[in-house]
Amino acid sequence: MLDIAIDADPDWDSSTGWDALVRAAAQAAIAESAFPQLASSPRAVELSVRLTSDEDVRALNAQWRGKDKPTNVLSFPQAEPDELAELAEDGPEVMLGDIVLARGVCIREAEEKAIPLDHHAAHLVVHGTLHLLGDDHGDDAAADAMEAREVRALGRLGIADPYGDRG
């Protein structure tokens, strides 16, 4: 059973339906991850998503990554991939971790890419969720694999490939 705690600052326009978007993006990411069984497991699996200001993300980025600037998305995994691979169907709740999105950065990037804000935010939630599940982009092969998962997850949501034509 997937439980997603979503907290959005008032600056994130409530008419967009962030709860539904975040839930759908996280579920799509999990379905395309190395651990698709987490989406339908009877075991409680939780992640949290915070939609907040650039300043809040800047502070977190400075504290945890030593980078004193806002970034589009931060992920804070709480479970190791080997733990996720060995999960039994019963047991205590598993906390995947936290994802934090910066509103201003997301808006600027969406405008630069000439795409809807909700599509870009969904991509960042997919990206962040995959990080919680052990995906990374530290080298070319890992980046290619992660991007392919992102594209497939976004395709489930009817969102175009954010990396351009792969054909």
C-alpha atoms as a PDB file:
ATOM      1  CA  MET A   1       0.000   0.000   0.000  1.00  0.00           C
ATOM      2  CA  LEU A   2       1.567   3.248  -1.158  1.00  0.00           C
ATOM      3  CA  ASP A   3       1.041   6.270   1.072  1.00  0.00           C
ATOM      4  CA  ILE A   4       2.230   9.645  -0.157  1.00  0.00           C
ATOM      5  CA  ALA A   5       2.288  12.592   2.242  1.00  0.00           C
ATOM      6  CA  ILE A   6       2.063  15.820   0.251  1.00  0.00           C
ATOM      7  CA  ASP A   7       2.626  19.277   1.682  1.00  0.00           C
ATOM      8  CA  ALA A   8       2.343  22.313  -0.607  1.00  0.00           C
ATOM      9  CA  ASP A   9       3.087  25.897   0.395  1.00  0.00           C
ATOM     10  CA  PRO A  10       0.249  28.322  -0.396  1.00  0.00           C
ATOM     11  CA  ASP A  11       2.389  29.828  -3.190  1.00  0.00           C
ATOM     12  CA  TRP A  12       1.912  26.619  -5.182  1.00  0.00           C
ATOM     13  CA  ASP A  13      -1.359  27.384  -6.999  1.00  0.00           C
ATOM     14  CA  SER A  14      -3.940  25.046  -5.474  1.00  0.00           C
ATOM     15  CA  SER A  15      -6.048  24.999  -8.658  1.00  0.00           C
ATOM     16  CA  THR A  16      -3.450  22.765 -10.327  1.00  0.00           C
ATOM     17  CA  GLY A  17      -4.338  19.699  -8.261  1.00  0.00           C
ATOM     18  CA  TRP A  18      -0.855  18.984  -6.944  1.00  0.00           C
ATOM     19  CA  ASP A  19      -1.997  16.058  -4.803  1.00  0.00           C
ATOM     20  CA  ALA A  20      -3.257  14.079  -7.797  1.00  0.00           C
ATOM     21  CA  LEU A  21      -0.252  15.044  -9.935  1.00  0.00           C
ATOM     22  CA  VAL A  22       2.305  14.084  -7.274  1.00  0.00           C
ATOM     23  CA  ARG A  23       0.529  10.801  -6.555  1.00  0.00           C
ATOM     24  CA  ALA A  24       0.331   9.857 -10.242  1.00  0.00           C
ATOM     25  CA  ALA A  25       3.973  10.829 -10.901  1.00  0.00           C
ATOM     26  CA  ALA A  26       5.293   8.875  -7.905  1.00  0.00           C
ATOM     27  CA  GLN A  27       3.228   5.815  -8.830  1.00  0.00           C
ATOM     28  CA  ALA A  28       4.443   5.968 -12.440  1.00  0.00           C
ATOM     29  CA  ALA A  29       8.053   6.241 -11.267  1.00  0.00           C
ATOM     30  CA  ILE A  30       7.669   3.266  -8.946  1.00  0.00           C
ATOM     31  CA  ALA A  31       6.064   1.230 -11.744  1.00  0.00           C
ATOM     32  CA  GLU A  32       9.118   1.878 -13.952  1.00  0.00           C
ATOM     33  CA  SER A  33      11.671   1.425 -11.161  1.00  0.00           C
ATOM     34  CA  ALA A  34      13.625  -1.645 -10.153  1.00  0.00           C
ATOM     35  CA  PHE A  35      10.946  -2.167  -7.459  1.00  0.00           C
ATOM     36  CA  PRO A  36       7.531  -1.972  -9.174  1.00  0.00           C
ATOM     37  CA  GLN A  37       6.050  -4.305  -6.559  1.00  0.00           C
ATOM     38  CA  LEU A  38       6.165  -1.458  -4.019  1.00  0.00           C
ATOM     39  CA  ALA A  39       3.178   0.235  -5.665  1.00  0.00           C
ATOM     40  CA  SER A  40       0.868  -2.699  -4.993  1.00  0.00           C
ATOM     41  CA  SER A  41       2.455  -4.322  -1.954  1.00  0.00           C
ATOM     42  CA  PRO A  42       0.180  -4.958   1.029  1.00  0.00           C
ATOM     43  CA  ARG A  43       3.035  -3.623   3.148  1.00  0.00           C
ATOM     44  CA  ALA A  44       2.813   0.084   3.931  1.00  0.00           C
ATOM     45  CA  VAL A  45       5.287   2.061   1.821  1.00  0.00           C
ATOM     46  CA  GLU A  46       5.494   5.827   2.339  1.00  0.00           C
ATOM     47  CA  LEU A  47       7.195   8.809   0.797  1.00  0.00           C
ATOM     48  CA  SER A  48       6.730  12.500   1.399  1.00  0.00           C
ATOM     49  CA  VAL A  49       6.735  15.329  -1.108  1.00  0.00           C
ATOM     50  CA  ARG A  50       7.111  18.971  -0.137  1.00  0.00           C
ATOM     51  CA  LEU A  51       6.310  21.728  -2.621  1.00  0.00           C
ATOM     52  CA  THR A  52       7.997  24.807  -1.223  1.00  0.00           C
ATOM     53  CA  SER A  53       9.911  27.996  -1.921  1.00  0.00           C
ATOM     54  CA  ASP A  54      13.300  28.495  -3.518  1.00  0.00           C
ATOM     55  CA  GLU A  55      14.560  29.829  -0.188  1.00  0.00           C
ATOM     56  CA  ASP A  56      13.568  26.657   1.689  1.00  0.00           C
ATOM     57  CA  VAL A  57      15.238  24.498  -0.950  1.00  0.00           C
ATOM     58  CA  ARG A  58      18.323  26.727  -0.937  1.00  0.00           C
ATOM     59  CA  ALA A  59      18.641  26.226   2.829  1.00  0.00           C
ATOM     60  CA  LEU A  60      18.281  22.438   2.493  1.00  0.00           C
ATOM     61  CA  ASN A  61      20.725  22.343  -0.406  1.00  0.00           C
ATOM     62  CA  ALA A  62      23.262  24.347   1.609  1.00  0.00           C
ATOM     63  CA  GLN A  63      22.833  22.185   4.700  1.00  0.00           C
ATOM     64  CA  TRP A  64      22.864  18.749   3.063  1.00  0.00           C
ATOM     65  CA  ARG A  65      24.813  19.216  -0.170  1.00  0.00           C
ATOM     66  CA  GLY A  66      27.040  22.193   0.610  1.00  0.00           C
ATOM     67  CA  LYS A  67      25.549  24.185  -2.290  1.00  0.00           C
ATOM     68  CA  ASP A  68      24.181  27.557  -1.212  1.00  0.00           C
ATOM     69  CA  LYS A  69      21.637  27.950  -4.010  1.00  0.00           C
ATOM     70  CA  PRO A  70      18.194  26.609  -4.816  1.00  0.00           C
ATOM     71  CA  THR A  71      17.838  23.626  -7.112  1.00  0.00           C
ATOM     72  CA  ASN A  72      14.746  22.220  -8.773  1.00  0.00           C
ATOM     73  CA  VAL A  73      14.400  19.008  -6.739  1.00  0.00           C
ATOM     74  CA  LEU A  74      16.099  17.405  -3.765  1.00  0.00           C
ATOM     75  CA  SER A  75      15.698  13.772  -2.730  1.00  0.00           C
ATOM     76  CA  PHE A  76      16.503  12.350   0.676  1.00  0.00           C
ATOM     77  CA  PRO A  77      16.371   8.530   0.545  1.00  0.00           C
ATOM     78  CA  GLN A  78      15.720   6.659   3.773  1.00  0.00           C
ATOM     79  CA  ALA A  79      15.830   3.081   2.478  1.00  0.00           C
ATOM     80  CA  GLU A  80      18.721   1.337   0.764  1.00  0.00           C
ATOM     81  CA  PRO A  81      18.057  -0.449  -2.551  1.00  0.00           C
ATOM     82  CA  ASP A  82      19.151  -3.803  -1.086  1.00  0.00           C
ATOM     83  CA  GLU A  83      16.574  -3.339   1.698  1.00  0.00           C
ATOM     84  CA  LEU A  84      13.871  -2.660  -0.891  1.00  0.00           C
ATOM     85  CA  ALA A  85      14.796  -5.749  -2.889  1.00  0.00           C
ATOM     86  CA  GLU A  86      14.422  -7.956   0.176  1.00  0.00           C
ATOM     87  CA  LEU A  87      11.135  -6.576   1.531  1.00  0.00           C
ATOM     88  CA  ALA A  88       8.640  -9.147   2.683  1.00  0.00           C
ATOM     89  CA  GLU A  89       4.956  -8.487   2.086  1.00  0.00           C
ATOM     90  CA  ASP A  90       4.344  -8.002   5.778  1.00  0.00           C
ATOM     91  CA  GLY A  91       6.232  -5.990   8.318  1.00  0.00           C
ATOM     92  CA  PRO A  92       6.507  -2.430   9.545  1.00  0.00           C
ATOM     93  CA  GLU A  93       5.996   0.563   7.289  1.00  0.00           C
ATOM     94  CA  VAL A  94       8.861   1.342   4.916  1.00  0.00           C
ATOM     95  CA  MET A  95       9.748   5.010   4.520  1.00  0.00           C
ATOM     96  CA  LEU A  96      11.289   5.593   1.078  1.00  0.00           C
ATOM     97  CA  GLY A  97      12.258   9.180   1.855  1.00  0.00           C
ATOM     98  CA  ASP A  98      11.498  12.802   1.075  1.00  0.00           C
ATOM     99  CA  ILE A  99      11.307  14.828  -2.125  1.00  0.00           C
ATOM    100  CA  VAL A 100      11.378  18.640  -2.117  1.00  0.00           C
ATOM    101  CA  LEU A 101      10.571  20.871  -5.106  1.00  0.00           C
ATOM    102  CA  ALA A 102      11.403  24.597  -5.391  1.00  0.00           C
ATOM    103  CA  ARG A 103       8.544  26.616  -6.896  1.00  0.00           C
ATOM    104  CA  GLY A 104      10.505  29.461  -8.491  1.00  0.00           C
ATOM    105  CA  VAL A 105      13.121  27.183 -10.027  1.00  0.00           C
ATOM    106  CA  CYS A 106      10.398  24.908 -11.401  1.00  0.00           C
ATOM    107  CA  ILE A 107       8.543  27.855 -12.927  1.00  0.00           C
ATOM    108  CA  ARG A 108      11.688  29.290 -14.540  1.00  0.00           C
ATOM    109  CA  GLU A 109      12.747  25.918 -15.958  1.00  0.00           C
ATOM    110  CA  ALA A 110       9.260  25.213 -17.348  1.00  0.00           C
ATOM    111  CA  GLU A 111       9.227  28.631 -19.015  1.00  0.00           C
ATOM    112  CA  GLU A 112      12.725  28.090 -20.469  1.00  0.00           C
ATOM    113  CA  LYS A 113      11.642  24.718 -21.867  1.00  0.00           C
ATOM    114  CA  ALA A 114       8.281  26.133 -23.037  1.00  0.00           C
ATOM    115  CA  ILE A 115       6.386  23.327 -21.288  1.00  0.00           C
ATOM    116  CA  PRO A 116       3.506  23.422 -18.798  1.00  0.00           C
ATOM    117  CA  LEU A 117       4.548  23.787 -15.154  1.00  0.00           C
ATOM    118  CA  ASP A 118       2.576  20.696 -14.157  1.00  0.00           C
ATOM    119  CA  HIS A 119       4.476  18.578 -16.720  1.00  0.00           C
ATOM    120  CA  HIS A 120       7.815  19.812 -15.425  1.00  0.00           C
ATOM    121  CA  ALA A 121       6.794  19.292 -11.788  1.00  0.00           C
ATOM    122  CA  ALA A 122       5.622  15.753 -12.639  1.00  0.00           C
ATOM    123  CA  HIS A 123       9.006  15.071 -14.241  1.00  0.00           C
ATOM    124  CA  LEU A 124      10.801  16.303 -11.126  1.00  0.00           C
ATOM    125  CA  VAL A 125       8.640  14.117  -8.871  1.00  0.00           C
ATOM    126  CA  VAL A 126       9.408  11.123 -11.119  1.00  0.00           C
ATOM    127  CA  HIS A 127      13.112  12.004 -11.016  1.00  0.00           C
ATOM    128  CA  GLY A 128      13.076  12.429  -7.240  1.00  0.00           C
ATOM    129  CA  THR A 129      11.157   9.203  -6.674  1.00  0.00           C
ATOM    130  CA  LEU A 130      13.638   7.258  -8.786  1.00  0.00           C
ATOM    131  CA  HIS A 131      16.451   8.691  -6.650  1.00  0.00           C
ATOM    132  CA  LEU A 132      14.641   7.426  -3.538  1.00  0.00           C
ATOM    133  CA  LEU A 133      14.619   3.993  -5.169  1.00  0.00           C
ATOM    134  CA  GLY A 134      18.360   3.959  -5.838  1.00  0.00           C
ATOM    135  CA  ASP A 135      18.596   5.353  -9.363  1.00  0.00           C
ATOM    136  CA  ASP A 136      21.357   7.854 -10.013  1.00  0.00           C
ATOM    137  CA  HIS A 137      23.002   9.722 -12.868  1.00  0.00           C
ATOM    138  CA  GLY A 138      26.612   9.646 -11.656  1.00  0.00           C
ATOM    139  CA  ASP A 139      27.971   8.259 -14.925  1.00  0.00           C
ATOM    140  CA  ASP A 140      26.741   8.066 -18.522  1.00  0.00           C
ATOM    141  CA  ALA A 141      25.358   4.525 -18.301  1.00  0.00           C
ATOM    142  CA  ALA A 142      23.473   5.233 -15.073  1.00  0.00           C
ATOM    143  CA  ALA A 143      22.187   8.541 -16.451  1.00  0.00           C
ATOM    144  CA  ASP A 144      20.946   6.846 -19.629  1.00  0.00           C
ATOM    145  CA  ALA A 145      19.161   4.133 -17.635  1.00  0.00           C
ATOM    146  CA  MET A 146      17.564   6.661 -15.273  1.00  0.00           C
ATOM    147  CA  GLU A 147      16.476   8.920 -18.123  1.00  0.00           C
ATOM    148  CA  ALA A 148      14.898   5.943 -19.922  1.00  0.00           C
ATOM    149  CA  ARG A 149      12.907   5.111 -16.785  1.00  0.00           C
ATOM    150  CA  GLU A 150      11.844   8.746 -16.476  1.00  0.00           C
ATOM    151  CA  VAL A 151      10.674   8.820 -20.099  1.00  0.00           C
ATOM    152  CA  ARG A 152       8.657   5.605 -19.632  1.00  0.00           C
ATOM    153  CA  ALA A 153       7.119   6.892 -16.380  1.00  0.00           C
ATOM    154  CA  LEU A 154       6.185  10.206 -17.973  1.00  0.00           C
ATOM    155  CA  GLY A 155       4.735   8.334 -20.942  1.00  0.00           C
ATOM    156  CA  ARG A 156       2.366   6.625 -18.499  1.00  0.00           C
ATOM    157  CA  LEU A 157       1.155  10.135 -17.620  1.00  0.00           C
ATOM    158  CA  GLY A 158       0.833  11.297 -21.222  1.00  0.00           C
ATOM    159  CA  ILE A 159       3.817  13.645 -20.870  1.00  0.00           C
ATOM    160  CA  ALA A 160       6.321  13.982 -23.713  1.00  0.00           C
ATOM    161  CA  ASP A 161       9.962  12.930 -23.443  1.00  0.00           C
ATOM    162  CA  PRO A 162      11.664  15.843 -21.627  1.00  0.00           C
ATOM    163  CA  TYR A 163      15.040  14.903 -23.115  1.00  0.00           C
ATOM    164  CA  GLY A 164      13.966  15.298 -26.725  1.00  0.00           C
ATOM    165  CA  ASP A 165      13.915  12.846 -29.579  1.00  0.00           C
ATOM    166  CA  ARG A 166      15.600   9.587 -28.587  1.00  0.00           C
ATOM    167  CA  GLY A 167      14.874   7.856 -31.849  1.00  0.00           C
END
